């Protein structure tokens, strides 16, 4: 193991810590994290390719190449159907109780993420992702936030209970592989 690969694993853990300790609405933590490397990266890339091909989304194929080339990948997800119980209406329902009923109702169609989701919880997810990538930046570790990687992770069932997931592939190299992508 090289010093760089050891550092990537350490920074990935620090990123997960940043996501965990990021501020949460009403102090309730609905964030989940996982770090993938090795063969798990190939599995994630495969799931992304499958979804991209089935849905005609070429950027999933491009992003899968980044996952395969990464040293590790941090997954950050949220159990977004857990309401904050403040009846803010941002989810599209008048009350949190109505949103919870809608969550339990049979879903129509097939979407990559589940919902409806509590807007407070989705804000928490955004803050957690931002905190994690800030930590990567502090340690000069190249990264990119990928919607497509989160979709692939959900398809694999990696982030059980999470309704929305983002992937943050990580790479320590002389050139940022996440920039000037084609």
N, C-alpha and C. Protein backbone atom coordinates (compact mmCIF):
# COMPACT_ATOMS: atom_id res chain seq x y z
N UNK A 1 0.86 -1.18 0.00
CA UNK A 1 0.00 0.00 0.00
C UNK A 1 0.90 1.24 0.00
N UNK A 2 0.59 2.19 -0.87
CA UNK A 2 1.38 3.41 -0.97
C UNK A 2 0.93 4.42 0.08
N UNK A 3 1.79 5.39 0.39
CA UNK A 3 1.35 6.44 1.32
C UNK A 3 0.10 7.17 0.82
N UNK A 4 0.01 7.36 -0.50
CA UNK A 4 -1.16 8.05 -1.05
C UNK A 4 -2.44 7.25 -0.85
N UNK A 5 -2.37 5.93 -1.07
CA UNK A 5 -3.59 5.13 -0.91
C UNK A 5 -4.00 5.05 0.55
N UNK A 6 -3.03 5.02 1.46
CA UNK A 6 -3.36 5.07 2.88
C UNK A 6 -4.03 6.40 3.22
N UNK A 7 -3.50 7.48 2.64
CA UNK A 7 -4.07 8.80 2.90
C UNK A 7 -5.49 8.91 2.37
N UNK A 8 -5.75 8.33 1.19
CA UNK A 8 -7.11 8.38 0.63
C UNK A 8 -8.09 7.71 1.59
N UNK A 9 -7.73 6.56 2.10
CA UNK A 9 -8.62 5.85 3.03
C UNK A 9 -8.85 6.66 4.31
N UNK A 10 -7.79 7.28 4.82
CA UNK A 10 -7.91 8.11 6.01
C UNK A 10 -8.80 9.32 5.75
N UNK A 11 -8.57 10.00 4.63
CA UNK A 11 -9.38 11.19 4.33
C UNK A 11 -10.83 10.79 4.08
N UNK A 12 -11.07 9.65 3.45
CA UNK A 12 -12.45 9.18 3.26
C UNK A 12 -13.14 9.01 4.61
N UNK A 13 -12.42 8.48 5.58
CA UNK A 13 -12.99 8.34 6.93
C UNK A 13 -13.23 9.71 7.57
N UNK A 14 -12.31 10.64 7.36
CA UNK A 14 -12.50 12.00 7.88
C UNK A 14 -13.69 12.68 7.21
N UNK A 15 -13.89 12.40 5.92
CA UNK A 15 -15.04 12.95 5.21
C UNK A 15 -16.34 12.40 5.79
N UNK A 16 -16.35 11.10 6.08
CA UNK A 16 -17.54 10.50 6.71
C UNK A 16 -17.80 11.14 8.06
N UNK A 17 -16.73 11.42 8.80
CA UNK A 17 -16.86 12.11 10.08
C UNK A 17 -17.45 13.51 9.89
N UNK A 18 -16.98 14.23 8.87
CA UNK A 18 -17.52 15.56 8.59
C UNK A 18 -19.01 15.51 8.27
N UNK A 19 -19.41 14.50 7.50
CA UNK A 19 -20.83 14.34 7.18
C UNK A 19 -21.64 14.04 8.44
N UNK A 20 -21.08 13.19 9.29
CA UNK A 20 -21.78 12.81 10.52
C UNK A 20 -21.95 14.01 11.46
N UNK A 21 -20.93 14.83 11.58
CA UNK A 21 -20.98 15.93 12.56
C UNK A 21 -21.52 17.23 11.98
N UNK A 22 -21.89 17.23 10.70
CA UNK A 22 -22.49 18.43 10.10
C UNK A 22 -23.80 18.75 10.82
N UNK A 23 -24.16 20.03 10.87
CA UNK A 23 -25.42 20.41 11.54
C UNK A 23 -26.62 19.70 10.92
N UNK A 24 -27.57 19.31 11.75
CA UNK A 24 -28.78 18.63 11.31
C UNK A 24 -30.01 19.35 11.85
N UNK A 25 -31.06 19.43 11.03
CA UNK A 25 -32.31 20.05 11.44
C UNK A 25 -32.89 19.38 12.67
N UNK A 26 -33.21 20.18 13.67
CA UNK A 26 -33.77 19.71 14.94
C UNK A 26 -32.84 18.74 15.67
N UNK A 27 -31.57 18.69 15.24
CA UNK A 27 -30.61 17.83 15.92
C UNK A 27 -30.81 16.35 15.69
N UNK A 28 -31.58 15.98 14.67
CA UNK A 28 -31.88 14.58 14.38
C UNK A 28 -31.04 14.14 13.18
N UNK A 29 -30.27 13.09 13.35
CA UNK A 29 -29.36 12.62 12.32
C UNK A 29 -30.00 11.51 11.48
N UNK A 30 -30.23 11.78 10.20
CA UNK A 30 -30.78 10.78 9.28
C UNK A 30 -29.78 10.46 8.17
N UNK A 31 -28.52 10.81 8.38
CA UNK A 31 -27.47 10.62 7.38
C UNK A 31 -26.81 9.25 7.57
N UNK A 32 -26.50 8.60 6.45
CA UNK A 32 -25.76 7.34 6.44
C UNK A 32 -24.55 7.50 5.53
N UNK A 33 -23.44 6.86 5.86
CA UNK A 33 -22.25 6.91 5.02
C UNK A 33 -21.67 5.51 4.84
N UNK A 34 -20.92 5.35 3.77
CA UNK A 34 -20.17 4.12 3.52
C UNK A 34 -19.00 4.48 2.62
N UNK A 35 -17.90 3.76 2.78
CA UNK A 35 -16.73 3.95 1.93
C UNK A 35 -16.53 2.68 1.11
N UNK A 36 -16.45 2.86 -0.20
CA UNK A 36 -16.21 1.74 -1.11
C UNK A 36 -14.81 1.83 -1.68
N UNK A 37 -14.20 0.67 -1.92
CA UNK A 37 -12.93 0.61 -2.65
C UNK A 37 -12.83 -0.76 -3.31
N UNK A 38 -11.76 -0.99 -4.02
CA UNK A 38 -11.52 -2.29 -4.64
C UNK A 38 -12.65 -2.76 -5.54
N UNK A 39 -13.05 -4.02 -5.35
CA UNK A 39 -14.09 -4.62 -6.18
C UNK A 39 -15.44 -3.92 -6.05
N UNK A 40 -15.68 -3.29 -4.91
CA UNK A 40 -16.95 -2.57 -4.74
C UNK A 40 -17.07 -1.41 -5.71
N UNK A 41 -15.95 -0.80 -6.09
CA UNK A 41 -15.98 0.29 -7.08
C UNK A 41 -16.42 -0.26 -8.44
N UNK A 42 -15.92 -1.43 -8.80
CA UNK A 42 -16.31 -2.05 -10.08
C UNK A 42 -17.79 -2.39 -10.08
N UNK A 43 -18.30 -2.89 -8.96
CA UNK A 43 -19.74 -3.21 -8.86
C UNK A 43 -20.57 -1.94 -9.01
N UNK A 44 -20.15 -0.86 -8.35
CA UNK A 44 -20.88 0.40 -8.45
C UNK A 44 -20.85 0.92 -9.89
N UNK A 45 -19.70 0.89 -10.52
CA UNK A 45 -19.59 1.34 -11.91
C UNK A 45 -20.50 0.51 -12.82
N UNK A 46 -20.57 -0.78 -12.60
CA UNK A 46 -21.45 -1.64 -13.39
C UNK A 46 -22.91 -1.28 -13.23
N UNK A 47 -23.33 -1.01 -12.00
CA UNK A 47 -24.72 -0.61 -11.75
C UNK A 47 -25.04 0.71 -12.43
N UNK A 48 -24.08 1.62 -12.42
CA UNK A 48 -24.27 2.92 -13.08
C UNK A 48 -24.41 2.74 -14.59
N UNK A 49 -23.57 1.89 -15.17
CA UNK A 49 -23.65 1.64 -16.62
C UNK A 49 -25.01 1.03 -16.99
N UNK A 50 -25.43 0.06 -16.21
CA UNK A 50 -26.72 -0.59 -16.47
C UNK A 50 -27.84 0.44 -16.45
N UNK A 51 -27.89 1.26 -15.43
CA UNK A 51 -28.94 2.27 -15.33
C UNK A 51 -28.85 3.25 -16.49
N UNK A 52 -27.66 3.70 -16.80
CA UNK A 52 -27.47 4.65 -17.90
C UNK A 52 -27.92 4.10 -19.24
N UNK A 53 -27.59 2.84 -19.50
CA UNK A 53 -27.99 2.21 -20.76
C UNK A 53 -29.50 2.00 -20.81
N UNK A 54 -30.09 1.57 -19.70
CA UNK A 54 -31.53 1.31 -19.67
C UNK A 54 -32.35 2.59 -19.80
N UNK A 55 -31.81 3.72 -19.36
CA UNK A 55 -32.56 4.97 -19.35
C UNK A 55 -32.03 6.01 -20.34
N UNK A 56 -31.08 5.62 -21.17
CA UNK A 56 -30.55 6.53 -22.18
C UNK A 56 -29.84 7.75 -21.59
N UNK A 57 -29.11 7.54 -20.50
CA UNK A 57 -28.41 8.64 -19.82
C UNK A 57 -26.91 8.44 -19.97
N UNK A 58 -26.35 9.05 -21.01
CA UNK A 58 -24.94 8.87 -21.33
C UNK A 58 -23.99 9.32 -20.24
N UNK A 59 -24.39 10.32 -19.45
CA UNK A 59 -23.46 10.79 -18.41
C UNK A 59 -23.22 9.73 -17.33
N UNK A 60 -24.14 8.78 -17.20
CA UNK A 60 -23.91 7.68 -16.26
C UNK A 60 -22.72 6.83 -16.72
N UNK A 61 -22.58 6.64 -18.03
CA UNK A 61 -21.47 5.85 -18.57
C UNK A 61 -20.15 6.58 -18.35
N UNK A 62 -20.16 7.90 -18.58
CA UNK A 62 -18.96 8.71 -18.35
C UNK A 62 -18.57 8.67 -16.87
N UNK A 63 -19.55 8.86 -16.00
CA UNK A 63 -19.28 8.88 -14.56
C UNK A 63 -18.80 7.52 -14.06
N UNK A 64 -19.28 6.44 -14.67
CA UNK A 64 -18.85 5.09 -14.27
C UNK A 64 -17.35 4.92 -14.48
N UNK A 65 -16.82 5.55 -15.52
CA UNK A 65 -15.36 5.50 -15.76
C UNK A 65 -14.61 6.16 -14.61
N UNK A 66 -15.15 7.27 -14.11
CA UNK A 66 -14.52 7.95 -12.97
C UNK A 66 -14.55 7.06 -11.73
N UNK A 67 -15.65 6.37 -11.51
CA UNK A 67 -15.75 5.48 -10.35
C UNK A 67 -14.70 4.37 -10.46
N UNK A 68 -14.57 3.79 -11.64
CA UNK A 68 -13.58 2.72 -11.84
C UNK A 68 -12.15 3.20 -11.62
N UNK A 69 -11.88 4.44 -11.99
CA UNK A 69 -10.53 4.99 -11.86
C UNK A 69 -10.24 5.55 -10.47
N UNK A 70 -11.26 5.66 -9.63
CA UNK A 70 -11.10 6.23 -8.30
C UNK A 70 -10.34 5.28 -7.37
N UNK A 71 -9.74 5.86 -6.35
CA UNK A 71 -9.08 5.07 -5.31
C UNK A 71 -10.08 4.58 -4.27
N UNK A 72 -11.12 5.37 -4.06
CA UNK A 72 -12.18 5.04 -3.11
C UNK A 72 -13.38 5.91 -3.45
N UNK A 73 -14.50 5.63 -2.81
CA UNK A 73 -15.71 6.42 -3.03
C UNK A 73 -16.50 6.49 -1.73
N UNK A 74 -16.80 7.70 -1.32
CA UNK A 74 -17.65 7.91 -0.15
C UNK A 74 -19.09 8.03 -0.62
N UNK A 75 -19.97 7.24 -0.03
CA UNK A 75 -21.40 7.36 -0.28
C UNK A 75 -22.02 8.09 0.90
N UNK A 76 -22.86 9.06 0.59
CA UNK A 76 -23.58 9.80 1.63
C UNK A 76 -25.05 9.77 1.27
N UNK A 77 -25.87 9.20 2.14
CA UNK A 77 -27.30 9.08 1.89
C UNK A 77 -28.10 9.60 3.06
N UNK A 78 -29.40 9.68 2.81
CA UNK A 78 -30.31 10.23 3.82
C UNK A 78 -31.59 9.41 3.87
N UNK A 79 -32.05 9.18 5.07
CA UNK A 79 -33.36 8.56 5.27
C UNK A 79 -34.38 9.70 5.22
N UNK A 80 -34.66 10.16 4.01
CA UNK A 80 -35.42 11.38 3.79
C UNK A 80 -36.90 11.31 4.06
N UNK A 81 -37.43 10.11 4.26
CA UNK A 81 -38.87 10.02 4.53
C UNK A 81 -39.18 10.18 6.01
N UNK A 82 -38.16 10.36 6.83
CA UNK A 82 -38.37 10.63 8.25
C UNK A 82 -38.64 12.12 8.42
N UNK A 83 -39.86 12.51 8.75
CA UNK A 83 -40.20 13.94 8.78
C UNK A 83 -39.59 14.67 9.97
N UNK A 84 -39.39 15.97 9.78
CA UNK A 84 -38.90 16.83 10.87
C UNK A 84 -40.03 17.23 11.81
N UNK A 85 -41.27 16.95 11.39
CA UNK A 85 -42.45 17.25 12.21
C UNK A 85 -42.59 18.73 12.56
N UNK A 86 -42.40 19.57 11.52
CA UNK A 86 -42.60 21.01 11.71
C UNK A 86 -43.68 21.56 10.76
N UNK A 87 -44.27 20.68 9.95
CA UNK A 87 -45.37 21.07 9.05
C UNK A 87 -45.04 22.30 8.21
N UNK A 88 -43.84 22.32 7.61
CA UNK A 88 -43.41 23.49 6.83
C UNK A 88 -44.02 23.51 5.43
N UNK A 89 -44.42 22.36 4.90
CA UNK A 89 -45.03 22.28 3.58
C UNK A 89 -44.04 22.22 2.43
N UNK A 90 -42.75 22.30 2.69
CA UNK A 90 -41.76 22.31 1.61
C UNK A 90 -41.72 21.02 0.81
N UNK A 91 -42.19 19.93 1.37
CA UNK A 91 -42.23 18.64 0.67
C UNK A 91 -43.39 18.56 -0.32
N UNK A 92 -44.29 19.54 -0.24
CA UNK A 92 -45.46 19.53 -1.11
C UNK A 92 -46.73 19.11 -0.41
N UNK A 93 -46.62 18.75 0.85
CA UNK A 93 -47.79 18.35 1.63
C UNK A 93 -48.01 19.38 2.75
N UNK A 94 -49.26 19.53 3.15
CA UNK A 94 -49.58 20.52 4.18
C UNK A 94 -48.99 20.16 5.54
N UNK A 95 -48.96 18.88 5.84
CA UNK A 95 -48.45 18.45 7.14
C UNK A 95 -47.48 17.28 6.97
N UNK A 96 -46.67 17.07 7.99
CA UNK A 96 -45.75 15.94 7.98
C UNK A 96 -46.52 14.61 7.99
N UNK A 97 -47.67 14.60 8.63
CA UNK A 97 -48.50 13.40 8.65
C UNK A 97 -48.95 13.04 7.24
N UNK A 98 -49.34 14.05 6.45
CA UNK A 98 -49.74 13.79 5.06
C UNK A 98 -48.56 13.26 4.25
N UNK A 99 -47.38 13.81 4.45
CA UNK A 99 -46.21 13.32 3.73
C UNK A 99 -45.94 11.86 4.11
N UNK A 100 -46.04 11.55 5.38
CA UNK A 100 -45.80 10.18 5.85
C UNK A 100 -46.81 9.21 5.23
N UNK A 101 -48.06 9.64 5.12
CA UNK A 101 -49.07 8.80 4.44
C UNK A 101 -48.69 8.57 2.99
N UNK A 102 -48.22 9.62 2.33
CA UNK A 102 -47.83 9.51 0.92
C UNK A 102 -46.64 8.56 0.75
N UNK A 103 -45.74 8.56 1.71
CA UNK A 103 -44.59 7.65 1.66
C UNK A 103 -45.07 6.20 1.69
N UNK A 104 -46.09 5.93 2.49
CA UNK A 104 -46.60 4.55 2.63
C UNK A 104 -47.48 4.12 1.46
N UNK A 105 -47.98 5.08 0.69
CA UNK A 105 -48.86 4.76 -0.44
C UNK A 105 -48.07 4.04 -1.54
N UNK A 106 -48.74 3.18 -2.31
CA UNK A 106 -48.05 2.50 -3.41
C UNK A 106 -47.48 3.52 -4.40
N UNK A 107 -46.26 3.26 -4.85
CA UNK A 107 -45.60 4.18 -5.80
C UNK A 107 -46.01 3.87 -7.22
N UNK A 108 -46.14 4.93 -8.01
CA UNK A 108 -46.41 4.77 -9.43
C UNK A 108 -45.13 5.11 -10.18
N UNK A 109 -44.73 4.23 -11.07
CA UNK A 109 -43.52 4.48 -11.85
C UNK A 109 -42.26 4.04 -11.12
N UNK A 110 -41.17 4.13 -11.86
CA UNK A 110 -39.87 3.70 -11.34
C UNK A 110 -38.93 4.89 -11.40
N UNK A 111 -38.51 5.38 -10.25
CA UNK A 111 -37.60 6.51 -10.20
C UNK A 111 -36.34 6.10 -9.44
N UNK A 112 -35.22 6.76 -9.72
CA UNK A 112 -33.98 6.37 -9.06
C UNK A 112 -33.95 6.65 -7.56
N UNK A 113 -34.67 7.65 -7.11
CA UNK A 113 -34.74 7.95 -5.69
C UNK A 113 -36.17 7.76 -5.22
N UNK A 114 -36.34 7.49 -3.92
CA UNK A 114 -37.66 7.30 -3.34
C UNK A 114 -38.13 8.60 -2.70
N UNK A 115 -39.42 8.75 -2.58
CA UNK A 115 -39.95 9.96 -1.96
C UNK A 115 -41.43 9.79 -1.71
N UNK A 116 -42.10 10.82 -1.27
CA UNK A 116 -41.58 12.17 -1.07
C UNK A 116 -40.57 12.21 0.07
N UNK A 117 -39.75 13.27 0.06
CA UNK A 117 -38.72 13.45 1.06
C UNK A 117 -38.94 14.74 1.83
N UNK A 118 -38.62 14.70 3.10
CA UNK A 118 -38.68 15.89 3.95
C UNK A 118 -37.61 16.88 3.48
N UNK A 119 -38.02 18.11 3.22
CA UNK A 119 -37.08 19.13 2.75
C UNK A 119 -36.01 19.44 3.79
N UNK A 120 -36.34 19.35 5.05
CA UNK A 120 -35.34 19.56 6.11
C UNK A 120 -34.27 18.48 6.01
N UNK A 121 -34.68 17.23 5.81
CA UNK A 121 -33.73 16.13 5.70
C UNK A 121 -32.87 16.25 4.43
N UNK A 122 -33.47 16.73 3.33
CA UNK A 122 -32.70 16.91 2.11
C UNK A 122 -31.69 18.05 2.28
N UNK A 123 -32.07 19.08 3.03
CA UNK A 123 -31.12 20.15 3.34
C UNK A 123 -29.97 19.59 4.18
N UNK A 124 -30.30 18.75 5.14
CA UNK A 124 -29.27 18.10 5.95
C UNK A 124 -28.30 17.32 5.06
N UNK A 125 -28.84 16.62 4.07
CA UNK A 125 -28.00 15.85 3.16
C UNK A 125 -27.05 16.77 2.40
N UNK A 126 -27.57 17.88 1.90
CA UNK A 126 -26.72 18.83 1.18
C UNK A 126 -25.61 19.39 2.06
N UNK A 127 -25.94 19.71 3.29
CA UNK A 127 -24.94 20.23 4.22
C UNK A 127 -23.89 19.16 4.52
N UNK A 128 -24.33 17.92 4.69
CA UNK A 128 -23.40 16.82 4.97
C UNK A 128 -22.45 16.59 3.79
N UNK A 129 -22.99 16.61 2.57
CA UNK A 129 -22.15 16.45 1.38
C UNK A 129 -21.14 17.60 1.30
N UNK A 130 -21.61 18.82 1.51
CA UNK A 130 -20.72 19.98 1.47
C UNK A 130 -19.62 19.89 2.52
N UNK A 131 -19.97 19.46 3.71
CA UNK A 131 -18.97 19.30 4.78
C UNK A 131 -17.93 18.25 4.41
N UNK A 132 -18.38 17.16 3.80
CA UNK A 132 -17.47 16.08 3.42
C UNK A 132 -16.49 16.53 2.33
N UNK A 133 -16.99 17.20 1.30
CA UNK A 133 -16.09 17.61 0.22
C UNK A 133 -15.18 18.75 0.66
N UNK A 134 -15.62 19.54 1.64
CA UNK A 134 -14.73 20.54 2.24
C UNK A 134 -13.53 19.85 2.87
N UNK A 135 -13.78 18.74 3.56
CA UNK A 135 -12.69 18.00 4.19
C UNK A 135 -11.74 17.43 3.15
N UNK A 136 -12.27 16.91 2.05
CA UNK A 136 -11.42 16.42 0.97
C UNK A 136 -10.55 17.56 0.43
N UNK A 137 -11.15 18.71 0.25
CA UNK A 137 -10.42 19.87 -0.27
C UNK A 137 -9.29 20.29 0.67
N UNK A 138 -9.57 20.32 1.96
CA UNK A 138 -8.55 20.69 2.95
C UNK A 138 -7.33 19.78 2.83
N UNK A 139 -7.56 18.51 2.48
CA UNK A 139 -6.48 17.53 2.38
C UNK A 139 -6.01 17.33 0.94
N UNK A 140 -6.42 18.22 0.03
CA UNK A 140 -5.97 18.19 -1.37
C UNK A 140 -6.31 16.88 -2.08
N UNK A 141 -7.43 16.28 -1.72
CA UNK A 141 -7.86 15.03 -2.34
C UNK A 141 -8.91 15.33 -3.39
N UNK A 142 -8.60 15.00 -4.64
CA UNK A 142 -9.53 15.26 -5.74
C UNK A 142 -10.81 14.47 -5.56
N UNK A 143 -11.93 15.11 -5.88
CA UNK A 143 -13.24 14.47 -5.70
C UNK A 143 -14.26 15.14 -6.59
N UNK A 144 -15.41 14.52 -6.70
CA UNK A 144 -16.53 15.09 -7.44
C UNK A 144 -17.81 14.48 -6.87
N UNK A 145 -18.82 15.30 -6.67
CA UNK A 145 -20.11 14.80 -6.19
C UNK A 145 -20.88 14.27 -7.40
N UNK A 146 -21.34 13.02 -7.32
CA UNK A 146 -22.05 12.39 -8.43
C UNK A 146 -23.44 11.92 -8.02
N UNK A 147 -24.44 12.50 -8.67
CA UNK A 147 -25.82 12.00 -8.59
C UNK A 147 -25.86 10.56 -9.10
N UNK A 148 -25.22 10.34 -10.26
CA UNK A 148 -25.26 9.03 -10.91
C UNK A 148 -24.71 7.92 -10.02
N UNK A 149 -23.66 8.21 -9.27
CA UNK A 149 -23.10 7.22 -8.37
C UNK A 149 -24.05 6.88 -7.23
N UNK A 150 -24.80 7.87 -6.78
CA UNK A 150 -25.81 7.62 -5.75
C UNK A 150 -26.93 6.74 -6.26
N UNK A 151 -27.32 6.97 -7.51
CA UNK A 151 -28.35 6.12 -8.13
C UNK A 151 -27.85 4.68 -8.22
N UNK A 152 -26.60 4.52 -8.64
CA UNK A 152 -26.01 3.18 -8.71
C UNK A 152 -25.95 2.50 -7.36
N UNK A 153 -25.60 3.26 -6.33
CA UNK A 153 -25.52 2.70 -4.97
C UNK A 153 -26.89 2.24 -4.49
N UNK A 154 -27.92 3.03 -4.77
CA UNK A 154 -29.28 2.61 -4.39
C UNK A 154 -29.69 1.36 -5.15
N UNK A 155 -29.33 1.30 -6.43
CA UNK A 155 -29.69 0.12 -7.24
C UNK A 155 -29.04 -1.14 -6.67
N UNK A 156 -27.85 -1.01 -6.12
CA UNK A 156 -27.16 -2.15 -5.51
C UNK A 156 -27.66 -2.47 -4.11
N UNK A 157 -28.44 -1.58 -3.53
CA UNK A 157 -28.92 -1.78 -2.17
C UNK A 157 -27.85 -1.52 -1.11
N UNK A 158 -26.82 -0.76 -1.48
CA UNK A 158 -25.71 -0.51 -0.57
C UNK A 158 -26.12 0.36 0.61
N UNK A 159 -26.97 1.33 0.37
CA UNK A 159 -27.34 2.29 1.41
C UNK A 159 -28.77 2.03 1.86
N UNK A 160 -28.96 0.92 2.53
CA UNK A 160 -30.29 0.48 2.95
C UNK A 160 -31.01 1.55 3.77
N UNK A 161 -32.25 1.81 3.41
CA UNK A 161 -33.06 2.78 4.13
C UNK A 161 -32.92 4.20 3.63
N UNK A 162 -31.92 4.46 2.79
CA UNK A 162 -31.72 5.81 2.27
C UNK A 162 -32.57 6.04 1.02
N UNK A 163 -33.27 7.15 1.00
CA UNK A 163 -34.13 7.49 -0.14
C UNK A 163 -33.38 8.28 -1.20
N UNK A 164 -32.34 8.98 -0.81
CA UNK A 164 -31.49 9.75 -1.72
C UNK A 164 -30.04 9.51 -1.31
N UNK A 165 -29.18 9.28 -2.31
CA UNK A 165 -27.76 9.01 -2.05
C UNK A 165 -26.93 9.76 -3.08
N UNK A 166 -25.79 10.28 -2.64
CA UNK A 166 -24.79 10.85 -3.54
C UNK A 166 -23.49 10.09 -3.35
N UNK A 167 -22.72 9.98 -4.43
CA UNK A 167 -21.41 9.34 -4.38
C UNK A 167 -20.34 10.41 -4.55
N UNK A 168 -19.25 10.25 -3.82
CA UNK A 168 -18.11 11.17 -3.94
C UNK A 168 -16.86 10.33 -4.19
N UNK A 169 -16.54 10.08 -5.48
CA UNK A 169 -15.32 9.34 -5.77
C UNK A 169 -14.09 10.18 -5.42
N UNK A 170 -13.01 9.49 -5.03
CA UNK A 170 -11.80 10.14 -4.55
C UNK A 170 -10.59 9.60 -5.30
N UNK A 171 -9.66 10.50 -5.63
CA UNK A 171 -8.47 10.07 -6.37
C UNK A 171 -7.27 10.92 -5.97
N UNK A 172 -6.15 10.25 -5.68
CA UNK A 172 -4.89 10.93 -5.42
C UNK A 172 -3.96 10.65 -6.60
N UNK A 173 -3.78 11.64 -7.45
CA UNK A 173 -2.91 11.48 -8.62
C UNK A 173 -2.39 12.85 -9.04
N UNK A 174 -1.50 12.85 -10.01
CA UNK A 174 -0.91 14.10 -10.48
C UNK A 174 -1.87 14.97 -11.27
N UNK A 175 -2.95 14.39 -11.78
CA UNK A 175 -3.95 15.14 -12.55
C UNK A 175 -5.33 14.79 -12.01
N UNK A 176 -6.15 15.79 -11.87
CA UNK A 176 -7.52 15.59 -11.38
C UNK A 176 -8.34 14.90 -12.47
N UNK A 177 -8.70 13.63 -12.24
CA UNK A 177 -9.45 12.87 -13.24
C UNK A 177 -10.90 13.32 -13.35
N UNK A 178 -11.35 14.13 -12.40
CA UNK A 178 -12.74 14.58 -12.39
C UNK A 178 -12.93 15.91 -13.11
N UNK A 179 -11.87 16.41 -13.74
CA UNK A 179 -11.90 17.69 -14.44
C UNK A 179 -11.62 17.41 -15.91
N UNK A 180 -12.23 18.19 -16.80
CA UNK A 180 -12.06 17.99 -18.25
C UNK A 180 -12.47 16.59 -18.67
N UNK A 181 -13.62 16.14 -18.16
CA UNK A 181 -14.11 14.81 -18.50
C UNK A 181 -14.80 14.85 -19.86
N UNK A 182 -14.71 13.74 -20.58
CA UNK A 182 -15.43 13.65 -21.86
C UNK A 182 -16.29 12.42 -21.88
